[in-house]
């Protein structure tokens, strides 16, 4: 995410700082999304940023949240992530999704033509290439590459597919909370053990804005809220600077829409954040929670990571 008054280079350097903060705080993984043709997001070259972040850290797992398979061939994805795993052994995650991450014109520019591939077939092909099991007509890289493959989703389709293929599932409840509980139910109901996973394994996304006081946390959260509201109004852009009392400036209708999208969000002190996260984990039964926090100030975002980690009792 590129903030107002900043450049893509600033954002790339800040991303490494965030990952370093997360690593010091004891987090397990740090994922990079794929988006195209969005003025405030600089993560189009996802694999390059993953390598950039992995090079700047030492223990935390770094992955894609995720690679949008319709934009890529399965062979190339397997080649890239198999190579990343060789450079950073045991530290690479491959999260895959079927959303394009772009508008229609950008999709055409990315793909050149409509290809009509099925997402499920692409996922199976990626796994085959990584395992080097001779089920595909070509070889990605010599030898087996044990890159964890995750299905990402914000609807029911991904949940069912992850279950059927016996893969771990990450639900984007940090921006699509409406279908969270049903998606979890479908994932667990459809789960079939595989060579990669014996039992269901779930990540749920949350937005967390933690600070020393509730007022400060709400102030920090206003950047994220402004960005989402602008996106819904057809004005995608850079991450705005925080403002006091932003929610009070919205109409009832716009406030309702924002509250619906950010229902899986918490802003507050260490105690408030900890209580909310524990309750959320209990309700969902999630094995991991993944935090999204579009906080404008670099140091404030790092502090938020640290406070949330303490609140959940994460050990460094």
C-alpha atoms as a PDB file:
ATOM      1  CA  UNK A   1       0.000   0.000   0.000  1.00  0.00           C
ATOM      2  CA  UNK A   2       1.423   3.372  -1.055  1.00  0.00           C
ATOM      3  CA  UNK A   3       0.641   6.276   1.247  1.00  0.00           C
ATOM      4  CA  UNK A   4      -0.090   9.872   0.284  1.00  0.00           C
ATOM      5  CA  UNK A   5       3.138  11.752  -0.329  1.00  0.00           C
ATOM      6  CA  UNK A   6       5.095   8.529  -0.807  1.00  0.00           C
ATOM      7  CA  UNK A   7       6.414   6.562  -3.760  1.00  0.00           C
ATOM      8  CA  UNK A   8       6.453   2.930  -4.789  1.00  0.00           C
ATOM      9  CA  UNK A   9      10.093   2.742  -3.677  1.00  0.00           C
ATOM     10  CA  UNK A  10       9.072   4.007  -0.222  1.00  0.00           C
ATOM     11  CA  UNK A  11       6.342   1.384  -0.044  1.00  0.00           C
ATOM     12  CA  UNK A  12       8.684  -1.454  -1.022  1.00  0.00           C
ATOM     13  CA  UNK A  13      11.192  -0.418   1.640  1.00  0.00           C
ATOM     14  CA  UNK A  14       8.420   0.002   4.221  1.00  0.00           C
ATOM     15  CA  UNK A  15       7.156  -3.506   3.439  1.00  0.00           C
ATOM     16  CA  UNK A  16      10.499  -4.950   4.483  1.00  0.00           C
ATOM     17  CA  UNK A  17      10.339  -2.917   7.707  1.00  0.00           C
ATOM     18  CA  UNK A  18       6.852  -4.265   8.443  1.00  0.00           C
ATOM     19  CA  UNK A  19       8.014  -7.828   7.882  1.00  0.00           C
ATOM     20  CA  UNK A  20      11.004  -7.244  10.149  1.00  0.00           C
ATOM     21  CA  UNK A  21       8.676  -5.858  12.834  1.00  0.00           C
ATOM     22  CA  UNK A  22       6.393  -8.868  12.462  1.00  0.00           C
ATOM     23  CA  UNK A  23       9.358 -11.222  12.696  1.00  0.00           C
ATOM     24  CA  UNK A  24      10.648  -9.566  15.883  1.00  0.00           C
ATOM     25  CA  UNK A  25       7.145  -9.688  17.393  1.00  0.00           C
ATOM     26  CA  UNK A  26       6.926 -13.449  16.812  1.00  0.00           C
ATOM     27  CA  UNK A  27       4.518 -13.709  13.878  1.00  0.00           C
ATOM     28  CA  UNK A  28       4.691 -16.870  11.756  1.00  0.00           C
ATOM     29  CA  UNK A  29       4.212 -15.506   8.240  1.00  0.00           C
ATOM     30  CA  UNK A  30       3.954 -12.371   6.113  1.00  0.00           C
ATOM     31  CA  UNK A  31       1.987 -12.478   2.842  1.00  0.00           C
ATOM     32  CA  UNK A  32       1.985 -10.191  -0.208  1.00  0.00           C
ATOM     33  CA  UNK A  33      -1.143  -9.714  -2.336  1.00  0.00           C
ATOM     34  CA  UNK A  34      -1.409  -9.432  -6.120  1.00  0.00           C
ATOM     35  CA  UNK A  35      -3.178  -6.383  -7.538  1.00  0.00           C
ATOM     36  CA  UNK A  36      -2.876  -4.598 -10.867  1.00  0.00           C
ATOM     37  CA  UNK A  37      -3.696  -1.110 -12.138  1.00  0.00           C
ATOM     38  CA  UNK A  38      -4.535   0.250  -8.677  1.00  0.00           C
ATOM     39  CA  UNK A  39      -2.884   3.612  -7.900  1.00  0.00           C
ATOM     40  CA  UNK A  40      -2.470   2.944  -4.181  1.00  0.00           C
ATOM     41  CA  UNK A  41      -1.175  -0.629  -4.342  1.00  0.00           C
ATOM     42  CA  UNK A  42       2.309  -1.526  -5.553  1.00  0.00           C
ATOM     43  CA  UNK A  43       2.203  -5.325  -5.362  1.00  0.00           C
ATOM     44  CA  UNK A  44       1.759  -6.219  -9.031  1.00  0.00           C
ATOM     45  CA  UNK A  45       5.102  -8.071  -9.199  1.00  0.00           C
ATOM     46  CA  UNK A  46       4.245 -10.282  -6.231  1.00  0.00           C
ATOM     47  CA  UNK A  47       7.060 -12.821  -6.483  1.00  0.00           C
ATOM     48  CA  UNK A  48       9.705 -10.102  -6.730  1.00  0.00           C
ATOM     49  CA  UNK A  49       8.395  -8.456  -3.561  1.00  0.00           C
ATOM     50  CA  UNK A  50       8.319 -11.829  -1.779  1.00  0.00           C
ATOM     51  CA  UNK A  51      12.004 -12.270  -2.603  1.00  0.00           C
ATOM     52  CA  UNK A  52      12.729  -8.683  -1.503  1.00  0.00           C
ATOM     53  CA  UNK A  53      11.019  -9.281   1.860  1.00  0.00           C
ATOM     54  CA  UNK A  54      12.546 -12.719   2.397  1.00  0.00           C
ATOM     55  CA  UNK A  55      16.009 -11.288   1.751  1.00  0.00           C
ATOM     56  CA  UNK A  56      15.411  -8.644   4.415  1.00  0.00           C
ATOM     57  CA  UNK A  57      14.260 -11.135   7.071  1.00  0.00           C
ATOM     58  CA  UNK A  58      15.638 -14.388   8.405  1.00  0.00           C
ATOM     59  CA  UNK A  59      13.003 -16.663   9.964  1.00  0.00           C
ATOM     60  CA  UNK A  60       9.475 -15.512   9.138  1.00  0.00           C
ATOM     61  CA  UNK A  61       7.679 -17.309   6.304  1.00  0.00           C
ATOM     62  CA  UNK A  62       6.935 -15.074   3.326  1.00  0.00           C
ATOM     63  CA  UNK A  63       4.255 -15.842   0.792  1.00  0.00           C
ATOM     64  CA  UNK A  64       1.565 -14.757  -1.609  1.00  0.00           C
ATOM     65  CA  UNK A  65      -1.840 -13.709  -0.440  1.00  0.00           C
ATOM     66  CA  UNK A  66      -2.186 -14.574  -3.190  1.00  0.00           C
ATOM     67  CA  UNK A  67      -1.165 -15.373  -6.724  1.00  0.00           C
ATOM     68  CA  UNK A  68      -4.233 -14.974  -8.925  1.00  0.00           C
ATOM     69  CA  UNK A  69      -3.952 -18.091 -11.083  1.00  0.00           C
ATOM     70  CA  UNK A  70      -6.122 -16.859 -13.981  1.00  0.00           C
ATOM     71  CA  UNK A  71      -3.387 -14.273 -14.628  1.00  0.00           C
ATOM     72  CA  UNK A  72      -0.563 -16.825 -14.843  1.00  0.00           C
ATOM     73  CA  UNK A  73       0.190 -20.269 -16.177  1.00  0.00           C
ATOM     74  CA  UNK A  74       0.518 -22.974 -13.549  1.00  0.00           C
ATOM     75  CA  UNK A  75       3.957 -23.873 -14.905  1.00  0.00           C
ATOM     76  CA  UNK A  76       5.367 -20.388 -14.382  1.00  0.00           C
ATOM     77  CA  UNK A  77       3.909 -20.119 -10.870  1.00  0.00           C
ATOM     78  CA  UNK A  78       5.451 -23.456  -9.911  1.00  0.00           C
ATOM     79  CA  UNK A  79       8.799 -22.454 -11.402  1.00  0.00           C
ATOM     80  CA  UNK A  80       8.843 -19.154  -9.528  1.00  0.00           C
ATOM     81  CA  UNK A  81       7.818 -20.536  -6.140  1.00  0.00           C
ATOM     82  CA  UNK A  82       9.957 -23.642  -6.447  1.00  0.00           C
ATOM     83  CA  UNK A  83      12.917 -21.346  -7.100  1.00  0.00           C
ATOM     84  CA  UNK A  84      12.017 -19.083  -4.179  1.00  0.00           C
ATOM     85  CA  UNK A  85      11.889 -22.143  -1.918  1.00  0.00           C
ATOM     86  CA  UNK A  86      15.393 -23.129  -3.010  1.00  0.00           C
ATOM     87  CA  UNK A  87      16.700 -19.626  -2.264  1.00  0.00           C
ATOM     88  CA  UNK A  88      14.839 -19.369   1.073  1.00  0.00           C
ATOM     89  CA  UNK A  89      14.387 -22.989   2.241  1.00  0.00           C
ATOM     90  CA  UNK A  90      11.324 -23.641   4.381  1.00  0.00           C
ATOM     91  CA  UNK A  91      10.230 -20.005   4.308  1.00  0.00           C
ATOM     92  CA  UNK A  92       7.964 -19.706   1.263  1.00  0.00           C
ATOM     93  CA  UNK A  93       4.152 -19.999   1.166  1.00  0.00           C
ATOM     94  CA  UNK A  94       2.090 -20.117  -2.024  1.00  0.00           C
ATOM     95  CA  UNK A  95      -1.424 -18.797  -1.561  1.00  0.00           C
ATOM     96  CA  UNK A  96      -3.539 -18.945  -4.733  1.00  0.00           C
ATOM     97  CA  UNK A  97      -6.850 -17.383  -5.686  1.00  0.00           C
ATOM     98  CA  UNK A  98      -9.145 -17.150  -8.689  1.00  0.00           C
ATOM     99  CA  UNK A  99     -10.089 -13.450  -8.572  1.00  0.00           C
ATOM    100  CA  UNK A 100      -8.316 -11.422 -11.257  1.00  0.00           C
ATOM    101  CA  UNK A 101      -7.155  -8.651  -8.930  1.00  0.00           C
ATOM    102  CA  UNK A 102      -7.811  -6.134 -11.690  1.00  0.00           C
ATOM    103  CA  UNK A 103     -10.475  -4.550 -13.903  1.00  0.00           C
ATOM    104  CA  UNK A 104     -11.516  -5.866 -17.320  1.00  0.00           C
ATOM    105  CA  UNK A 105      -9.081  -3.746 -19.350  1.00  0.00           C
ATOM    106  CA  UNK A 106      -6.175  -4.779 -17.158  1.00  0.00           C
ATOM    107  CA  UNK A 107      -7.188  -8.437 -17.353  1.00  0.00           C
ATOM    108  CA  UNK A 108      -7.061  -8.194 -21.142  1.00  0.00           C
ATOM    109  CA  UNK A 109      -3.611  -6.593 -20.957  1.00  0.00           C
ATOM    110  CA  UNK A 110      -2.385  -9.284 -18.571  1.00  0.00           C
ATOM    111  CA  UNK A 111      -3.691 -12.295 -20.420  1.00  0.00           C
ATOM    112  CA  UNK A 112      -3.787 -11.171 -24.035  1.00  0.00           C
ATOM    113  CA  UNK A 113      -6.866 -13.274 -24.714  1.00  0.00           C
ATOM    114  CA  UNK A 114      -9.537 -15.220 -22.889  1.00  0.00           C
ATOM    115  CA  UNK A 115      -8.331 -18.720 -22.092  1.00  0.00           C
ATOM    116  CA  UNK A 116     -11.243 -20.236 -20.170  1.00  0.00           C
ATOM    117  CA  UNK A 117      -9.128 -22.319 -17.796  1.00  0.00           C
ATOM    118  CA  UNK A 118     -10.726 -23.770 -14.699  1.00  0.00           C
ATOM    119  CA  UNK A 119      -9.281 -22.621 -11.372  1.00  0.00           C
ATOM    120  CA  UNK A 120      -9.423 -26.136  -9.906  1.00  0.00           C
ATOM    121  CA  UNK A 121      -7.390 -27.493 -12.827  1.00  0.00           C
ATOM    122  CA  UNK A 122      -4.801 -24.751 -12.351  1.00  0.00           C
ATOM    123  CA  UNK A 123      -4.425 -25.546  -8.635  1.00  0.00           C
ATOM    124  CA  UNK A 124      -3.964 -29.252  -9.349  1.00  0.00           C
ATOM    125  CA  UNK A 125      -1.404 -28.448 -12.049  1.00  0.00           C
ATOM    126  CA  UNK A 126       0.604 -26.193  -9.711  1.00  0.00           C
ATOM    127  CA  UNK A 127       0.714 -28.943  -7.081  1.00  0.00           C
ATOM    128  CA  UNK A 128       1.715 -31.524  -9.721  1.00  0.00           C
ATOM    129  CA  UNK A 129       4.530 -29.334 -11.019  1.00  0.00           C
ATOM    130  CA  UNK A 130       5.863 -28.657  -7.511  1.00  0.00           C
ATOM    131  CA  UNK A 131       5.767 -32.351  -6.649  1.00  0.00           C
ATOM    132  CA  UNK A 132       7.397 -33.291  -9.976  1.00  0.00           C
ATOM    133  CA  UNK A 133       5.080 -36.299 -10.174  1.00  0.00           C
ATOM    134  CA  UNK A 134       5.017 -36.632 -14.005  1.00  0.00           C
ATOM    135  CA  UNK A 135       1.263 -35.962 -14.188  1.00  0.00           C
ATOM    136  CA  UNK A 136       1.808 -32.853 -16.318  1.00  0.00           C
ATOM    137  CA  UNK A 137       3.223 -32.714 -19.844  1.00  0.00           C
ATOM    138  CA  UNK A 138       6.242 -30.648 -18.800  1.00  0.00           C
ATOM    139  CA  UNK A 139       8.557 -30.306 -15.825  1.00  0.00           C
ATOM    140  CA  UNK A 140       8.711 -27.068 -13.852  1.00  0.00           C
ATOM    141  CA  UNK A 141      11.961 -27.649 -11.979  1.00  0.00           C
ATOM    142  CA  UNK A 142      13.950 -30.827 -11.369  1.00  0.00           C
ATOM    143  CA  UNK A 143      12.972 -32.565  -8.147  1.00  0.00           C
ATOM    144  CA  UNK A 144      10.185 -32.162  -5.618  1.00  0.00           C
ATOM    145  CA  UNK A 145       9.624 -28.741  -4.045  1.00  0.00           C
ATOM    146  CA  UNK A 146       7.666 -28.793  -0.802  1.00  0.00           C
ATOM    147  CA  UNK A 147       6.066 -25.376  -1.055  1.00  0.00           C
ATOM    148  CA  UNK A 148       2.887 -25.162   1.065  1.00  0.00           C
ATOM    149  CA  UNK A 149      -0.063 -24.383  -1.221  1.00  0.00           C
ATOM    150  CA  UNK A 150      -3.030 -22.509   0.265  1.00  0.00           C
ATOM    151  CA  UNK A 151      -6.411 -21.808  -1.304  1.00  0.00           C
ATOM    152  CA  UNK A 152      -7.504 -18.224  -0.715  1.00  0.00           C
ATOM    153  CA  UNK A 153     -11.112 -17.177  -0.944  1.00  0.00           C
ATOM    154  CA  UNK A 154     -13.790 -14.634  -0.115  1.00  0.00           C
ATOM    155  CA  UNK A 155     -16.728 -16.821  -1.163  1.00  0.00           C
ATOM    156  CA  UNK A 156     -17.950 -20.409  -0.916  1.00  0.00           C
ATOM    157  CA  UNK A 157     -16.213 -21.766  -4.019  1.00  0.00           C
ATOM    158  CA  UNK A 158     -12.696 -21.557  -2.608  1.00  0.00           C
ATOM    159  CA  UNK A 159     -13.801 -23.102   0.682  1.00  0.00           C
ATOM    160  CA  UNK A 160     -15.307 -26.129  -1.037  1.00  0.00           C
ATOM    161  CA  UNK A 161     -12.344 -26.571  -3.385  1.00  0.00           C
ATOM    162  CA  UNK A 162      -9.785 -26.344  -0.574  1.00  0.00           C
ATOM    163  CA  UNK A 163     -11.703 -29.022   1.299  1.00  0.00           C
ATOM    164  CA  UNK A 164     -12.027 -31.314  -1.707  1.00  0.00           C
ATOM    165  CA  UNK A 165      -8.318 -31.044  -2.535  1.00  0.00           C
ATOM    166  CA  UNK A 166      -7.212 -31.426   1.080  1.00  0.00           C
ATOM    167  CA  UNK A 167      -5.406 -28.085   1.188  1.00  0.00           C
ATOM    168  CA  UNK A 168      -5.251 -25.382   3.880  1.00  0.00           C
ATOM    169  CA  UNK A 169      -7.709 -22.523   3.427  1.00  0.00           C
ATOM    170  CA  UNK A 170      -7.421 -18.797   4.109  1.00  0.00           C
ATOM    171  CA  UNK A 171     -10.627 -16.741   4.123  1.00  0.00           C
ATOM    172  CA  UNK A 172     -10.529 -13.011   3.405  1.00  0.00           C
ATOM    173  CA  UNK A 173     -12.830 -12.017   6.244  1.00  0.00           C
ATOM    174  CA  UNK A 174     -10.807  -8.826   6.715  1.00  0.00           C
ATOM    175  CA  UNK A 175     -12.677  -7.389   3.702  1.00  0.00           C
ATOM    176  CA  UNK A 176     -15.432  -9.958   3.012  1.00  0.00           C
ATOM    177  CA  UNK A 177     -16.839 -10.947   6.414  1.00  0.00           C
ATOM    178  CA  UNK A 178     -20.371 -11.716   5.284  1.00  0.00           C
ATOM    179  CA  UNK A 179     -19.760 -15.327   4.234  1.00  0.00           C
ATOM    180  CA  UNK A 180     -17.112 -16.231   6.802  1.00  0.00           C
ATOM    181  CA  UNK A 181     -18.973 -18.720   8.976  1.00  0.00           C
ATOM    182  CA  UNK A 182     -20.675 -20.511   6.073  1.00  0.00           C
ATOM    183  CA  UNK A 183     -17.354 -20.761   4.214  1.00  0.00           C
ATOM    184  CA  UNK A 184     -15.724 -22.309   7.278  1.00  0.00           C
ATOM    185  CA  UNK A 185     -18.571 -24.813   7.550  1.00  0.00           C
ATOM    186  CA  UNK A 186     -18.277 -25.759   3.871  1.00  0.00           C
ATOM    187  CA  UNK A 187     -14.522 -26.135   4.104  1.00  0.00           C
ATOM    188  CA  UNK A 188     -14.730 -28.511   7.028  1.00  0.00           C
ATOM    189  CA  UNK A 189     -17.684 -30.452   5.604  1.00  0.00           C
ATOM    190  CA  UNK A 190     -15.944 -30.993   2.257  1.00  0.00           C
ATOM    191  CA  UNK A 191     -12.483 -31.715   3.619  1.00  0.00           C
ATOM    192  CA  UNK A 192     -10.790 -34.844   2.338  1.00  0.00           C
ATOM    193  CA  UNK A 193      -7.387 -35.749   3.822  1.00  0.00           C
ATOM    194  CA  UNK A 194      -4.529 -35.560   1.322  1.00  0.00           C
ATOM    195  CA  UNK A 195      -0.800 -36.207   1.227  1.00  0.00           C
ATOM    196  CA  UNK A 196      -0.340 -32.530   2.022  1.00  0.00           C
ATOM    197  CA  UNK A 197      -2.814 -32.179   4.891  1.00  0.00           C
ATOM    198  CA  UNK A 198      -4.471 -34.687   7.227  1.00  0.00           C
ATOM    199  CA  UNK A 199      -6.998 -32.338   8.850  1.00  0.00           C
ATOM    200  CA  UNK A 200      -8.581 -28.970   7.944  1.00  0.00           C
ATOM    201  CA  UNK A 201      -6.382 -25.958   8.597  1.00  0.00           C
ATOM    202  CA  UNK A 202      -7.895 -22.479   8.527  1.00  0.00           C
ATOM    203  CA  UNK A 203      -6.628 -18.907   8.471  1.00  0.00           C
ATOM    204  CA  UNK A 204      -9.121 -16.061   8.945  1.00  0.00           C
ATOM    205  CA  UNK A 205      -8.274 -12.471   8.095  1.00  0.00           C
ATOM    206  CA  UNK A 206      -8.853  -9.590  10.514  1.00  0.00           C
ATOM    207  CA  UNK A 207      -8.090  -5.876  10.549  1.00  0.00           C
ATOM    208  CA  UNK A 208      -6.320  -4.745  13.704  1.00  0.00           C
ATOM    209  CA  UNK A 209      -5.490  -1.189  14.756  1.00  0.00           C
ATOM    210  CA  UNK A 210      -3.828  -1.287  18.163  1.00  0.00           C
ATOM    211  CA  UNK A 211      -2.377   1.616  20.117  1.00  0.00           C
ATOM    212  CA  UNK A 212      -1.744   2.834  23.658  1.00  0.00           C
ATOM    213  CA  UNK A 213      -5.210   4.409  23.812  1.00  0.00           C
ATOM    214  CA  UNK A 214      -8.523   3.716  22.138  1.00  0.00           C
ATOM    215  CA  UNK A 215      -8.660   7.248  20.728  1.00  0.00           C
ATOM    216  CA  UNK A 216      -5.265   6.819  19.070  1.00  0.00           C
ATOM    217  CA  UNK A 217      -6.286   3.428  17.645  1.00  0.00           C
ATOM    218  CA  UNK A 218      -9.450   4.906  16.142  1.00  0.00           C
ATOM    219  CA  UNK A 219      -7.395   7.748  14.687  1.00  0.00           C
ATOM    220  CA  UNK A 220      -4.979   5.285  13.059  1.00  0.00           C
ATOM    221  CA  UNK A 221      -7.865   3.219  11.668  1.00  0.00           C
ATOM    222  CA  UNK A 222      -9.232   6.242   9.815  1.00  0.00           C
ATOM    223  CA  UNK A 223      -6.667   5.818   7.005  1.00  0.00           C
ATOM    224  CA  UNK A 224      -7.944   2.328   6.246  1.00  0.00           C
ATOM    225  CA  UNK A 225     -11.553   3.480   6.537  1.00  0.00           C
ATOM    226  CA  UNK A 226     -11.002   6.379   4.149  1.00  0.00           C
ATOM    227  CA  UNK A 227      -9.299   4.124   1.615  1.00  0.00           C
ATOM    228  CA  UNK A 228     -12.149   1.594   1.652  1.00  0.00           C
ATOM    229  CA  UNK A 229     -14.809   4.304   1.429  1.00  0.00           C
ATOM    230  CA  UNK A 230     -12.995   5.954  -1.500  1.00  0.00           C
ATOM    231  CA  UNK A 231     -12.706   2.593  -3.264  1.00  0.00           C
ATOM    232  CA  UNK A 232     -16.445   1.981  -2.914  1.00  0.00           C
ATOM    233  CA  UNK A 233     -17.118   5.466  -4.266  1.00  0.00           C
ATOM    234  CA  UNK A 234     -15.091   4.678  -7.399  1.00  0.00           C
ATOM    235  CA  UNK A 235     -12.078   6.706  -6.299  1.00  0.00           C
ATOM    236  CA  UNK A 236      -9.279   4.211  -5.603  1.00  0.00           C
ATOM    237  CA  UNK A 237      -6.108   5.967  -4.603  1.00  0.00           C
ATOM    238  CA  UNK A 238      -3.223   6.279  -2.211  1.00  0.00           C
ATOM    239  CA  UNK A 239      -3.602   5.464   1.473  1.00  0.00           C
ATOM    240  CA  UNK A 240      -4.821   8.715   3.078  1.00  0.00           C
ATOM    241  CA  UNK A 241      -3.310  10.316   6.139  1.00  0.00           C
ATOM    242  CA  UNK A 242      -5.398   9.717   9.278  1.00  0.00           C
ATOM    243  CA  UNK A 243      -7.960  12.295  10.376  1.00  0.00           C
ATOM    244  CA  UNK A 244      -9.781  12.839  13.638  1.00  0.00           C
ATOM    245  CA  UNK A 245     -13.462  11.900  13.762  1.00  0.00           C
ATOM    246  CA  UNK A 246     -13.629  10.531  10.208  1.00  0.00           C
ATOM    247  CA  UNK A 247     -16.595   8.224  10.814  1.00  0.00           C
ATOM    248  CA  UNK A 248     -18.709  11.135  12.037  1.00  0.00           C
ATOM    249  CA  UNK A 249     -18.342  12.797   8.624  1.00  0.00           C
ATOM    250  CA  UNK A 250     -20.037   9.912   6.781  1.00  0.00           C
ATOM    251  CA  UNK A 251     -23.697   9.618   5.895  1.00  0.00           C
ATOM    252  CA  UNK A 252     -25.640   6.850   7.583  1.00  0.00           C
ATOM    253  CA  UNK A 253     -25.688   4.840   4.352  1.00  0.00           C
ATOM    254  CA  UNK A 254     -21.933   5.088   3.766  1.00  0.00           C
ATOM    255  CA  UNK A 255     -21.223   4.335   7.425  1.00  0.00           C
ATOM    256  CA  UNK A 256     -23.393   1.216   7.217  1.00  0.00           C
ATOM    257  CA  UNK A 257     -21.545  -0.027   4.114  1.00  0.00           C
ATOM    258  CA  UNK A 258     -18.183   0.563   5.736  1.00  0.00           C
ATOM    259  CA  UNK A 259     -19.233  -1.193   8.933  1.00  0.00           C
ATOM    260  CA  UNK A 260     -20.409  -4.197   6.906  1.00  0.00           C
ATOM    261  CA  UNK A 261     -17.107  -4.589   5.053  1.00  0.00           C
ATOM    262  CA  UNK A 262     -14.981  -4.028   8.156  1.00  0.00           C
ATOM    263  CA  UNK A 263     -17.059  -6.179  10.503  1.00  0.00           C
ATOM    264  CA  UNK A 264     -14.012  -8.339  11.239  1.00  0.00           C
ATOM    265  CA  UNK A 265     -12.003  -5.395  12.550  1.00  0.00           C
ATOM    266  CA  UNK A 266     -10.931  -4.104  15.924  1.00  0.00           C
ATOM    267  CA  UNK A 267      -9.395  -0.819  17.035  1.00  0.00           C
ATOM    268  CA  UNK A 268      -8.310  -0.285  20.611  1.00  0.00           C
ATOM    269  CA  UNK A 269      -5.828  -0.890  23.381  1.00  0.00           C
ATOM    270  CA  UNK A 270      -3.911  -4.096  24.051  1.00  0.00           C
ATOM    271  CA  UNK A 271      -6.645  -5.352  26.365  1.00  0.00           C
ATOM    272  CA  UNK A 272      -9.466  -4.465  23.969  1.00  0.00           C
ATOM    273  CA  UNK A 273      -7.681  -5.991  20.979  1.00  0.00           C
ATOM    274  CA  UNK A 274      -6.757  -9.137  22.899  1.00  0.00           C
ATOM    275  CA  UNK A 275     -10.312  -9.723  24.115  1.00  0.00           C
ATOM    276  CA  UNK A 276     -11.739  -9.236  20.624  1.00  0.00           C
ATOM    277  CA  UNK A 277      -9.167 -11.476  18.912  1.00  0.00           C
ATOM    278  CA  UNK A 278      -9.622 -14.295  21.411  1.00  0.00           C
ATOM    279  CA  UNK A 279     -13.390 -14.150  20.994  1.00  0.00           C
ATOM    280  CA  UNK A 280     -13.041 -14.131  17.206  1.00  0.00           C
ATOM    281  CA  UNK A 281     -10.697 -17.127  17.332  1.00  0.00           C
ATOM    282  CA  UNK A 282     -13.115 -19.013  19.587  1.00  0.00           C
ATOM    283  CA  UNK A 283     -16.103 -18.314  17.326  1.00  0.00           C
ATOM    284  CA  UNK A 284     -14.347 -19.279  14.094  1.00  0.00           C
ATOM    285  CA  UNK A 285     -12.087 -22.032  15.410  1.00  0.00           C
ATOM    286  CA  UNK A 286      -9.383 -20.614  13.146  1.00  0.00           C
ATOM    287  CA  UNK A 287      -5.931 -22.152  13.463  1.00  0.00           C
ATOM    288  CA  UNK A 288      -4.314 -18.805  12.639  1.00  0.00           C
ATOM    289  CA  UNK A 289      -5.428 -15.197  12.357  1.00  0.00           C
ATOM    290  CA  UNK A 290      -3.879 -13.014   9.681  1.00  0.00           C
ATOM    291  CA  UNK A 291      -3.761  -9.275  10.305  1.00  0.00           C
ATOM    292  CA  UNK A 292      -4.350  -6.545   7.756  1.00  0.00           C
ATOM    293  CA  UNK A 293      -3.602  -3.052   9.026  1.00  0.00           C
ATOM    294  CA  UNK A 294      -3.425  -0.153   6.587  1.00  0.00           C
ATOM    295  CA  UNK A 295      -1.935   2.299   9.043  1.00  0.00           C
ATOM    296  CA  UNK A 296      -0.342   5.341   7.428  1.00  0.00           C
ATOM    297  CA  UNK A 297       2.595   5.875   9.777  1.00  0.00           C
ATOM    298  CA  UNK A 298       5.317   3.212   9.538  1.00  0.00           C
ATOM    299  CA  UNK A 299       6.239   3.265  13.219  1.00  0.00           C
ATOM    300  CA  UNK A 300       2.586   3.257  14.323  1.00  0.00           C
ATOM    301  CA  UNK A 301       1.920   0.204  12.156  1.00  0.00           C
ATOM    302  CA  UNK A 302       4.869  -1.616  13.671  1.00  0.00           C
ATOM    303  CA  UNK A 303       3.666  -0.727  17.178  1.00  0.00           C
ATOM    304  CA  UNK A 304       0.229  -2.047  16.285  1.00  0.00           C
ATOM    305  CA  UNK A 305       1.774  -5.357  15.237  1.00  0.00           C
ATOM    306  CA  UNK A 306       3.697  -5.523  18.514  1.00  0.00           C
ATOM    307  CA  UNK A 307       0.678  -4.686  20.681  1.00  0.00           C
ATOM    308  CA  UNK A 308      -1.491  -7.264  18.904  1.00  0.00           C
ATOM    309  CA  UNK A 309       1.210  -9.912  19.360  1.00  0.00           C
ATOM    310  CA  UNK A 310       1.442  -9.186  23.091  1.00  0.00           C
ATOM    311  CA  UNK A 311      -2.337  -9.197  23.351  1.00  0.00           C
ATOM    312  CA  UNK A 312      -2.464 -12.711  21.919  1.00  0.00           C
ATOM    313  CA  UNK A 313       0.478 -13.933  23.970  1.00  0.00           C
ATOM    314  CA  UNK A 314       2.703 -14.595  20.947  1.00  0.00           C
ATOM    315  CA  UNK A 315       6.188 -15.556  22.099  1.00  0.00           C
ATOM    316  CA  UNK A 316       9.192 -14.240  20.240  1.00  0.00           C
END
